[in-house]
All heavy atoms as atom14 arrays in JSON, in Angstrom:
{
  "sequence": "LEEQIVNHEGDIEPTISVLNGLVAMTRYCRFLLFGFEEDELDLG",
  "atom14_mask": [
    [1, 1, 1, 1, 1, 1, 1, 1, 0, 0, 0, 0, 0, 0],
    [1, 1, 1, 1, 1, 1, 1, 1, 1, 0, 0, 0, 0, 0],
    [1, 1, 1, 1, 1, 1, 1, 1, 1, 0, 0, 0, 0, 0],
    [1, 1, 1, 1, 1, 1, 1, 1, 1, 0, 0, 0, 0, 0],
    [1, 1, 1, 1, 1, 1, 1, 1, 0, 0, 0, 0, 0, 0],
    [1, 1, 1, 1, 1, 1, 1, 0, 0, 0, 0, 0, 0, 0],
    [1, 1, 1, 1, 1, 1, 1, 1, 0, 0, 0, 0, 0, 0],
    [1, 1, 1, 1, 1, 1, 1, 1, 1, 1, 0, 0, 0, 0],
    [1, 1, 1, 1, 1, 1, 1, 1, 1, 0, 0, 0, 0, 0],
    [1, 1, 1, 1, 0, 0, 0, 0, 0, 0, 0, 0, 0, 0],
    [1, 1, 1, 1, 1, 1, 1, 1, 0, 0, 0, 0, 0, 0],
    [1, 1, 1, 1, 1, 1, 1, 1, 0, 0, 0, 0, 0, 0],
    [1, 1, 1, 1, 1, 1, 1, 1, 1, 0, 0, 0, 0, 0],
    [1, 1, 1, 1, 1, 1, 1, 0, 0, 0, 0, 0, 0, 0],
    [1, 1, 1, 1, 1, 1, 1, 0, 0, 0, 0, 0, 0, 0],
    [1, 1, 1, 1, 1, 1, 1, 1, 0, 0, 0, 0, 0, 0],
    [1, 1, 1, 1, 1, 1, 0, 0, 0, 0, 0, 0, 0, 0],
    [1, 1, 1, 1, 1, 1, 1, 0, 0, 0, 0, 0, 0, 0],
    [1, 1, 1, 1, 1, 1, 1, 1, 0, 0, 0, 0, 0, 0],
    [1, 1, 1, 1, 1, 1, 1, 1, 0, 0, 0, 0, 0, 0],
    [1, 1, 1, 1, 0, 0, 0, 0, 0, 0, 0, 0, 0, 0],
    [1, 1, 1, 1, 1, 1, 1, 1, 0, 0, 0, 0, 0, 0],
    [1, 1, 1, 1, 1, 1, 1, 0, 0, 0, 0, 0, 0, 0],
    [1, 1, 1, 1, 1, 0, 0, 0, 0, 0, 0, 0, 0, 0],
    [1, 1, 1, 1, 1, 1, 1, 1, 0, 0, 0, 0, 0, 0],
    [1, 1, 1, 1, 1, 1, 1, 0, 0, 0, 0, 0, 0, 0],
    [1, 1, 1, 1, 1, 1, 1, 1, 1, 1, 1, 0, 0, 0],
    [1, 1, 1, 1, 1, 1, 1, 1, 1, 1, 1, 1, 0, 0],
    [1, 1, 1, 1, 1, 1, 0, 0, 0, 0, 0, 0, 0, 0],
    [1, 1, 1, 1, 1, 1, 1, 1, 1, 1, 1, 0, 0, 0],
    [1, 1, 1, 1, 1, 1, 1, 1, 1, 1, 1, 0, 0, 0],
    [1, 1, 1, 1, 1, 1, 1, 1, 0, 0, 0, 0, 0, 0],
    [1, 1, 1, 1, 1, 1, 1, 1, 0, 0, 0, 0, 0, 0],
    [1, 1, 1, 1, 1, 1, 1, 1, 1, 1, 1, 0, 0, 0],
    [1, 1, 1, 1, 0, 0, 0, 0, 0, 0, 0, 0, 0, 0],
    [1, 1, 1, 1, 1, 1, 1, 1, 1, 1, 1, 0, 0, 0],
    [1, 1, 1, 1, 1, 1, 1, 1, 1, 0, 0, 0, 0, 0],
    [1, 1, 1, 1, 1, 1, 1, 1, 1, 0, 0, 0, 0, 0],
    [1, 1, 1, 1, 1, 1, 1, 1, 0, 0, 0, 0, 0, 0],
    [1, 1, 1, 1, 1, 1, 1, 1, 1, 0, 0, 0, 0, 0],
    [1, 1, 1, 1, 1, 1, 1, 1, 0, 0, 0, 0, 0, 0],
    [1, 1, 1, 1, 1, 1, 1, 1, 0, 0, 0, 0, 0, 0],
    [1, 1, 1, 1, 1, 1, 1, 1, 0, 0, 0, 0, 0, 0],
    [1, 1, 1, 1, 0, 0, 0, 0, 0, 0, 0, 0, 0, 0]
  ],
  "atom14_positions": [
    [[79.92, -128.66, 5.73], [79.35, -129.11, 7.01], [80.14, -128.54, 8.18], [79.56, -128.15, 9.2], [79.35, -130.64, 7.07], [78.39, -131.38, 6.13], [78.52, -132.89, 6.32], [76.96, -130.93, 6.35], [0.0, 0.0, 0.0], [0.0, 0.0, 0.0], [0.0, 0.0, 0.0], [0.0, 0.0, 0.0], [0.0, 0.0, 0.0], [0.0, 0.0, 0.0]],
    [[81.46, -128.48, 8.04], [82.27, -127.9, 9.12], [81.96, -126.43, 9.31], [81.99, -125.92, 10.44], [83.76, -128.11, 8.81], [84.19, -129.56, 8.93], [85.64, -129.78, 8.52], [86.16, -128.99, 7.7], [86.25, -130.74, 9.01], [0.0, 0.0, 0.0], [0.0, 0.0, 0.0], [0.0, 0.0, 0.0], [0.0, 0.0, 0.0], [0.0, 0.0, 0.0]],
    [[81.67, -125.73, 8.21], [81.29, -124.31, 8.33], [80.0, -124.16, 9.12], [79.85, -123.25, 9.93], [81.13, -123.69, 6.94], [80.77, -122.21, 6.99], [80.57, -121.62, 5.61], [80.7, -122.36, 4.62], [80.28, -120.42, 5.53], [0.0, 0.0, 0.0], [0.0, 0.0, 0.0], [0.0, 0.0, 0.0], [0.0, 0.0, 0.0], [0.0, 0.0, 0.0]],
    [[79.07, -125.07, 8.91], [77.82, -125.02, 9.66], [78.06, -125.28, 11.15], [77.39, -124.7, 12.0], [76.82, -126.04, 9.1], [76.33, -125.74, 7.7], [75.62, -124.41, 7.6], [75.06, -123.92, 8.58], [75.65, -123.81, 6.43], [0.0, 0.0, 0.0], [0.0, 0.0, 0.0], [0.0, 0.0, 0.0], [0.0, 0.0, 0.0], [0.0, 0.0, 0.0]],
    [[79.03, -126.13, 11.46], [79.36, -126.38, 12.86], [79.91, -125.1, 13.49], [79.54, -124.72, 14.61], [80.39, -127.52, 12.98], [79.73, -128.85, 12.56], [80.92, -127.63, 14.41], [80.7, -130.01, 12.47], [0.0, 0.0, 0.0], [0.0, 0.0, 0.0], [0.0, 0.0, 0.0], [0.0, 0.0, 0.0], [0.0, 0.0, 0.0], [0.0, 0.0, 0.0]],
    [[80.79, -124.41, 12.76], [81.38, -123.17, 13.27], [80.3, -122.11, 13.47], [80.29, -121.38, 14.46], [82.47, -122.65, 12.3], [82.93, -121.26, 12.71], [83.65, -123.61, 12.26], [0.0, 0.0, 0.0], [0.0, 0.0, 0.0], [0.0, 0.0, 0.0], [0.0, 0.0, 0.0], [0.0, 0.0, 0.0], [0.0, 0.0, 0.0], [0.0, 0.0, 0.0]],
    [[79.38, -122.01, 12.51], [78.37, -120.95, 12.54], [77.06, -121.39, 13.19], [76.07, -120.68, 13.1], [78.06, -120.5, 11.1], [79.25, -119.82, 10.46], [80.05, -119.19, 11.14], [79.39, -119.96, 9.15], [0.0, 0.0, 0.0], [0.0, 0.0, 0.0], [0.0, 0.0, 0.0], [0.0, 0.0, 0.0], [0.0, 0.0, 0.0], [0.0, 0.0, 0.0]],
    [[77.07, -122.56, 13.83], [75.84, -123.12, 14.37], [75.2, -122.14, 15.34], [75.85, -121.6, 16.22], [76.14, -124.43, 15.1], [74.93, -125.28, 15.31], [74.27, -125.88, 14.28], [74.27, -125.62, 16.43], [73.26, -126.59, 14.76], [73.23, -126.44, 16.06], [0.0, 0.0, 0.0], [0.0, 0.0, 0.0], [0.0, 0.0, 0.0], [0.0, 0.0, 0.0]],
    [[73.9, -121.92, 15.18], [73.2, -120.92, 15.98], [72.35, -121.53, 17.09], [71.71, -120.81, 17.84], [72.32, -120.06, 15.07], [73.12, -119.31, 14.03], [72.25, -118.4, 13.19], [71.03, -118.35, 13.44], [72.78, -117.74, 12.31], [0.0, 0.0, 0.0], [0.0, 0.0, 0.0], [0.0, 0.0, 0.0], [0.0, 0.0, 0.0], [0.0, 0.0, 0.0]],
    [[72.29, -122.84, 17.18], [71.58, -123.45, 18.28], [70.12, -123.78, 18.0], [69.47, -124.47, 18.78], [0.0, 0.0, 0.0], [0.0, 0.0, 0.0], [0.0, 0.0, 0.0], [0.0, 0.0, 0.0], [0.0, 0.0, 0.0], [0.0, 0.0, 0.0], [0.0, 0.0, 0.0], [0.0, 0.0, 0.0], [0.0, 0.0, 0.0], [0.0, 0.0, 0.0]],
    [[69.55, -123.28, 16.87], [68.15, -123.55, 16.6], [67.96, -124.34, 15.31], [66.91, -124.36, 14.71], [67.36, -122.24, 16.51], [67.92, -121.29, 15.46], [68.99, -121.59, 14.92], [67.28, -120.25, 15.2], [0.0, 0.0, 0.0], [0.0, 0.0, 0.0], [0.0, 0.0, 0.0], [0.0, 0.0, 0.0], [0.0, 0.0, 0.0], [0.0, 0.0, 0.0]],
    [[69.02, -124.98, 14.83], [68.95, -125.8, 13.63], [69.21, -127.25, 14.0], [70.04, -127.55, 14.85], [70.01, -125.35, 12.59], [69.88, -123.87, 12.3], [69.85, -126.14, 11.3], [70.92, -123.35, 11.32], [0.0, 0.0, 0.0], [0.0, 0.0, 0.0], [0.0, 0.0, 0.0], [0.0, 0.0, 0.0], [0.0, 0.0, 0.0], [0.0, 0.0, 0.0]],
    [[68.47, -128.13, 13.37], [68.76, -129.55, 13.49], [69.53, -129.99, 12.25], [69.32, -129.45, 11.17], [67.45, -130.34, 13.6], [66.69, -130.1, 14.89], [67.44, -130.62, 16.11], [68.28, -131.54, 15.95], [67.2, -130.1, 17.21], [0.0, 0.0, 0.0], [0.0, 0.0, 0.0], [0.0, 0.0, 0.0], [0.0, 0.0, 0.0], [0.0, 0.0, 0.0]],
    [[70.43, -130.95, 12.34], [70.79, -131.7, 13.54], [71.72, -130.93, 14.47], [72.24, -129.88, 14.1], [71.5, -132.94, 12.97], [72.12, -132.43, 11.71], [71.16, -131.43, 11.15], [0.0, 0.0, 0.0], [0.0, 0.0, 0.0], [0.0, 0.0, 0.0], [0.0, 0.0, 0.0], [0.0, 0.0, 0.0], [0.0, 0.0, 0.0], [0.0, 0.0, 0.0]],
    [[71.94, -131.48, 15.64], [72.81, -130.83, 16.63], [74.27, -130.91, 16.19], [74.62, -131.65, 15.26], [72.65, -131.51, 17.99], [73.1, -132.87, 17.88], [71.2, -131.5, 18.45], [0.0, 0.0, 0.0], [0.0, 0.0, 0.0], [0.0, 0.0, 0.0], [0.0, 0.0, 0.0], [0.0, 0.0, 0.0], [0.0, 0.0, 0.0], [0.0, 0.0, 0.0]],
    [[75.11, -130.17, 16.89], [76.53, -130.16, 16.55], [77.13, -131.56, 16.7], [77.96, -131.98, 15.89], [77.29, -129.15, 17.45], [76.83, -127.73, 17.12], [78.79, -129.27, 17.24], [77.51, -126.67, 17.96], [0.0, 0.0, 0.0], [0.0, 0.0, 0.0], [0.0, 0.0, 0.0], [0.0, 0.0, 0.0], [0.0, 0.0, 0.0], [0.0, 0.0, 0.0]],
    [[76.71, -132.29, 17.73], [77.24, -133.65, 17.92], [76.93, -134.53, 16.72], [77.8, -135.28, 16.24], [76.64, -134.27, 19.19], [77.05, -133.56, 20.34], [0.0, 0.0, 0.0], [0.0, 0.0, 0.0], [0.0, 0.0, 0.0], [0.0, 0.0, 0.0], [0.0, 0.0, 0.0], [0.0, 0.0, 0.0], [0.0, 0.0, 0.0], [0.0, 0.0, 0.0]],
    [[75.7, -134.45, 16.22], [75.33, -135.25, 15.06], [76.1, -134.78, 13.83], [76.58, -135.6, 13.03], [73.81, -135.18, 14.83], [73.43, -135.88, 13.53], [73.07, -135.8, 16.0], [0.0, 0.0, 0.0], [0.0, 0.0, 0.0], [0.0, 0.0, 0.0], [0.0, 0.0, 0.0], [0.0, 0.0, 0.0], [0.0, 0.0, 0.0], [0.0, 0.0, 0.0]],
    [[76.23, -133.47, 13.66], [76.98, -132.95, 12.53], [78.42, -133.44, 12.55], [78.99, -133.79, 11.51], [76.96, -131.41, 12.53], [75.69, -130.75, 11.99], [75.78, -129.24, 12.16], [75.47, -131.1, 10.53], [0.0, 0.0, 0.0], [0.0, 0.0, 0.0], [0.0, 0.0, 0.0], [0.0, 0.0, 0.0], [0.0, 0.0, 0.0], [0.0, 0.0, 0.0]],
    [[79.03, -133.47, 13.72], [80.4, -133.99, 13.83], [80.47, -135.43, 13.37], [81.44, -135.85, 12.72], [80.9, -133.86, 15.27], [81.38, -132.47, 15.61], [81.97, -131.79, 14.77], [81.13, -132.02, 16.82], [0.0, 0.0, 0.0], [0.0, 0.0, 0.0], [0.0, 0.0, 0.0], [0.0, 0.0, 0.0], [0.0, 0.0, 0.0], [0.0, 0.0, 0.0]],
    [[79.46, -136.22, 13.71], [79.43, -137.6, 13.27], [79.29, -137.72, 11.76], [79.95, -138.54, 11.11], [0.0, 0.0, 0.0], [0.0, 0.0, 0.0], [0.0, 0.0, 0.0], [0.0, 0.0, 0.0], [0.0, 0.0, 0.0], [0.0, 0.0, 0.0], [0.0, 0.0, 0.0], [0.0, 0.0, 0.0], [0.0, 0.0, 0.0], [0.0, 0.0, 0.0]],
    [[78.45, -136.87, 11.17], [78.26, -136.9, 9.73], [79.52, -136.45, 9.0], [79.86, -136.97, 7.93], [77.08, -136.0, 9.35], [75.71, -136.47, 9.88], [74.65, -135.42, 9.6], [75.32, -137.8, 9.27], [0.0, 0.0, 0.0], [0.0, 0.0, 0.0], [0.0, 0.0, 0.0], [0.0, 0.0, 0.0], [0.0, 0.0, 0.0], [0.0, 0.0, 0.0]],
    [[80.23, -135.47, 9.56], [81.5, -135.03, 8.97], [82.51, -136.17, 9.01], [83.21, -136.45, 8.03], [82.05, -133.8, 9.72], [83.51, -133.54, 9.33], [81.21, -132.57, 9.4], [0.0, 0.0, 0.0], [0.0, 0.0, 0.0], [0.0, 0.0, 0.0], [0.0, 0.0, 0.0], [0.0, 0.0, 0.0], [0.0, 0.0, 0.0], [0.0, 0.0, 0.0]],
    [[82.59, -136.85, 10.15], [83.54, -137.96, 10.29], [83.22, -139.08, 9.3], [84.12, -139.65, 8.68], [83.52, -138.49, 11.73], [0.0, 0.0, 0.0], [0.0, 0.0, 0.0], [0.0, 0.0, 0.0], [0.0, 0.0, 0.0], [0.0, 0.0, 0.0], [0.0, 0.0, 0.0], [0.0, 0.0, 0.0], [0.0, 0.0, 0.0], [0.0, 0.0, 0.0]],
    [[81.93, -139.38, 9.13], [81.53, -140.43, 8.2], [81.85, -140.04, 6.76], [82.34, -140.86, 5.97], [80.02, -140.69, 8.34], [79.49, -141.78, 7.43], [77.75, -142.12, 7.72], [77.01, -140.64, 7.02], [0.0, 0.0, 0.0], [0.0, 0.0, 0.0], [0.0, 0.0, 0.0], [0.0, 0.0, 0.0], [0.0, 0.0, 0.0], [0.0, 0.0, 0.0]],
    [[81.59, -138.78, 6.4], [81.87, -138.33, 5.04], [83.37, -138.28, 4.77], [83.82, -138.57, 3.65], [81.23, -136.94, 4.81], [79.83, -137.02, 5.1], [81.42, -136.48, 3.38], [0.0, 0.0, 0.0], [0.0, 0.0, 0.0], [0.0, 0.0, 0.0], [0.0, 0.0, 0.0], [0.0, 0.0, 0.0], [0.0, 0.0, 0.0], [0.0, 0.0, 0.0]],
    [[84.15, -137.96, 5.77], [85.61, -137.97, 5.61], [86.09, -139.41, 5.35], [86.99, -139.63, 4.52], [86.3, -137.39, 6.84], [87.82, -137.32, 6.71], [88.47, -136.72, 7.93], [88.16, -135.31, 8.07], [87.43, -134.8, 9.05], [86.92, -135.59, 9.99], [87.2, -133.5, 9.11], [0.0, 0.0, 0.0], [0.0, 0.0, 0.0], [0.0, 0.0, 0.0]],
    [[85.51, -140.35, 6.04], [85.85, -141.76, 5.8], [85.53, -142.14, 4.35], [86.34, -142.78, 3.66], [85.08, -142.65, 6.78], [85.11, -144.12, 6.43], [86.28, -144.86, 6.58], [83.97, -144.77, 5.96], [86.32, -146.21, 6.25], [83.99, -146.11, 5.64], [85.17, -146.83, 5.79], [85.2, -148.16, 5.47], [0.0, 0.0, 0.0], [0.0, 0.0, 0.0]],
    [[84.35, -141.73, 3.89], [83.95, -142.06, 2.52], [84.83, -141.37, 1.49], [85.07, -141.91, 0.41], [82.48, -141.65, 2.29], [81.31, -142.65, 3.23], [0.0, 0.0, 0.0], [0.0, 0.0, 0.0], [0.0, 0.0, 0.0], [0.0, 0.0, 0.0], [0.0, 0.0, 0.0], [0.0, 0.0, 0.0], [0.0, 0.0, 0.0], [0.0, 0.0, 0.0]],
    [[85.33, -140.19, 1.84], [86.21, -139.47, 0.91], [87.42, -140.33, 0.54], [87.84, -140.4, -0.62], [86.64, -138.15, 1.55], [87.61, -137.33, 0.69], [89.0, -137.41, 1.33], [89.98, -136.71, 0.53], [90.62, -137.22, -0.49], [90.36, -138.45, -0.9], [91.54, -136.54, -1.14], [0.0, 0.0, 0.0], [0.0, 0.0, 0.0], [0.0, 0.0, 0.0]],
    [[88.01, -141.02, 1.51], [89.19, -141.85, 1.24], [88.81, -143.25, 0.78], [89.5, -143.84, -0.05], [90.07, -141.9, 2.48], [90.66, -140.57, 2.84], [90.18, -139.84, 3.9], [91.67, -140.02, 2.07], [90.69, -138.6, 4.21], [92.2, -138.78, 2.37], [91.7, -138.07, 3.45], [0.0, 0.0, 0.0], [0.0, 0.0, 0.0], [0.0, 0.0, 0.0]],
    [[87.71, -143.77, 1.29], [87.27, -145.1, 0.87], [86.9, -145.11, -0.6], [87.27, -146.03, -1.35], [86.07, -145.53, 1.71], [85.42, -146.86, 1.31], [86.33, -148.02, 1.69], [84.05, -147.0, 1.98], [0.0, 0.0, 0.0], [0.0, 0.0, 0.0], [0.0, 0.0, 0.0], [0.0, 0.0, 0.0], [0.0, 0.0, 0.0], [0.0, 0.0, 0.0]],
    [[86.2, -144.08, -1.05], [85.65, -144.06, -2.4], [86.56, -143.42, -3.43], [86.54, -143.8, -4.61], [84.3, -143.33, -2.41], [83.23, -143.87, -1.46], [81.97, -143.02, -1.54], [82.92, -145.34, -1.77], [0.0, 0.0, 0.0], [0.0, 0.0, 0.0], [0.0, 0.0, 0.0], [0.0, 0.0, 0.0], [0.0, 0.0, 0.0], [0.0, 0.0, 0.0]],
    [[87.37, -142.44, -3.01], [88.12, -141.65, -4.0], [89.63, -141.71, -3.83], [90.35, -141.03, -4.57], [87.65, -140.19, -3.95], [86.16, -140.04, -4.11], [85.39, -139.53, -3.08], [85.53, -140.45, -5.27], [84.01, -139.4, -3.21], [84.16, -140.33, -5.42], [83.4, -139.8, -4.38], [0.0, 0.0, 0.0], [0.0, 0.0, 0.0], [0.0, 0.0, 0.0]],
    [[90.11, -142.49, -2.87], [91.55, -142.66, -2.74], [92.26, -141.45, -2.16], [91.66, -140.6, -1.52], [0.0, 0.0, 0.0], [0.0, 0.0, 0.0], [0.0, 0.0, 0.0], [0.0, 0.0, 0.0], [0.0, 0.0, 0.0], [0.0, 0.0, 0.0], [0.0, 0.0, 0.0], [0.0, 0.0, 0.0], [0.0, 0.0, 0.0], [0.0, 0.0, 0.0]],
    [[93.57, -141.37, -2.45], [94.42, -140.4, -1.77], [95.08, -139.39, -2.7], [95.84, -138.54, -2.24], [95.52, -141.14, -0.98], [94.99, -141.84, 0.22], [94.35, -143.07, 0.1], [95.09, -141.28, 1.47], [93.84, -143.73, 1.2], [94.59, -141.92, 2.59], [93.96, -143.15, 2.45], [0.0, 0.0, 0.0], [0.0, 0.0, 0.0], [0.0, 0.0, 0.0]],
    [[94.86, -139.5, -3.98], [95.5, -138.54, -4.88], [94.79, -137.2, -4.78], [93.56, -137.12, -4.73], [95.45, -139.05, -6.32], [96.19, -140.36, -6.51], [97.63, -140.31, -6.01], [98.29, -139.28, -6.24], [98.08, -141.27, -5.38], [0.0, 0.0, 0.0], [0.0, 0.0, 0.0], [0.0, 0.0, 0.0], [0.0, 0.0, 0.0], [0.0, 0.0, 0.0]],
    [[95.58, -136.13, -4.78], [95.03, -134.78, -4.63], [95.55, -133.88, -5.72], [96.51, -134.2, -6.42], [95.43, -134.2, -3.26], [94.67, -134.83, -2.11], [93.28, -134.24, -1.94], [93.07, -133.09, -2.38], [92.41, -134.92, -1.4], [0.0, 0.0, 0.0], [0.0, 0.0, 0.0], [0.0, 0.0, 0.0], [0.0, 0.0, 0.0], [0.0, 0.0, 0.0]],
    [[94.92, -132.71, -5.86], [95.41, -131.76, -6.86], [96.58, -130.97, -6.3], [96.91, -131.05, -5.12], [94.29, -130.81, -7.3], [93.64, -130.11, -6.12], [94.39, -129.53, -5.32], [92.4, -130.14, -6.0], [0.0, 0.0, 0.0], [0.0, 0.0, 0.0], [0.0, 0.0, 0.0], [0.0, 0.0, 0.0], [0.0, 0.0, 0.0], [0.0, 0.0, 0.0]],
    [[97.2, -130.16, -7.15], [98.43, -129.46, -6.76], [98.2, -128.42, -5.69], [99.14, -128.03, -4.99], [99.05, -128.8, -7.98], [98.16, -127.74, -8.63], [98.78, -127.17, -9.88], [99.56, -127.88, -10.54], [98.49, -126.02, -10.19], [0.0, 0.0, 0.0], [0.0, 0.0, 0.0], [0.0, 0.0, 0.0], [0.0, 0.0, 0.0], [0.0, 0.0, 0.0]],
    [[96.96, -127.98, -5.5], [96.69, -127.01, -4.45], [96.99, -127.59, -3.09], [97.36, -126.87, -2.16], [95.24, -126.54, -4.51], [94.84, -125.68, -5.71], [93.37, -125.32, -5.63], [95.69, -124.42, -5.77], [0.0, 0.0, 0.0], [0.0, 0.0, 0.0], [0.0, 0.0, 0.0], [0.0, 0.0, 0.0], [0.0, 0.0, 0.0], [0.0, 0.0, 0.0]],
    [[96.82, -128.91, -2.95], [97.04, -129.55, -1.67], [98.47, -130.06, -1.5], [98.93, -130.27, -0.39], [96.09, -130.73, -1.49], [94.65, -130.28, -1.39], [94.35, -129.52, -0.47], [93.85, -130.66, -2.25], [0.0, 0.0, 0.0], [0.0, 0.0, 0.0], [0.0, 0.0, 0.0], [0.0, 0.0, 0.0], [0.0, 0.0, 0.0], [0.0, 0.0, 0.0]],
    [[99.16, -130.25, -2.63], [100.48, -130.88, -2.54], [101.6, -129.95, -2.95], [102.74, -130.36, -3.08], [100.51, -132.14, -3.43], [99.45, -133.19, -3.09], [99.58, -134.36, -4.02], [99.57, -133.62, -1.65], [0.0, 0.0, 0.0], [0.0, 0.0, 0.0], [0.0, 0.0, 0.0], [0.0, 0.0, 0.0], [0.0, 0.0, 0.0], [0.0, 0.0, 0.0]],
    [[101.32, -128.69, -3.16], [102.36, -127.75, -3.57], [103.21, -127.31, -2.41], [103.25, -127.93, -1.35], [0.0, 0.0, 0.0], [0.0, 0.0, 0.0], [0.0, 0.0, 0.0], [0.0, 0.0, 0.0], [0.0, 0.0, 0.0], [0.0, 0.0, 0.0], [0.0, 0.0, 0.0], [0.0, 0.0, 0.0], [0.0, 0.0, 0.0], [0.0, 0.0, 0.0]]
  ]
}
């Protein structure tokens, strides 16, 4: 979703503002649902 925000061309729905909200909501769910443990790529 963040890649789509970077590459947003202005003629796709939803708008960047809405996409930012969806990214923020999904980030919240990432920690709410799956906790904080990560693989070694993130903690090396």
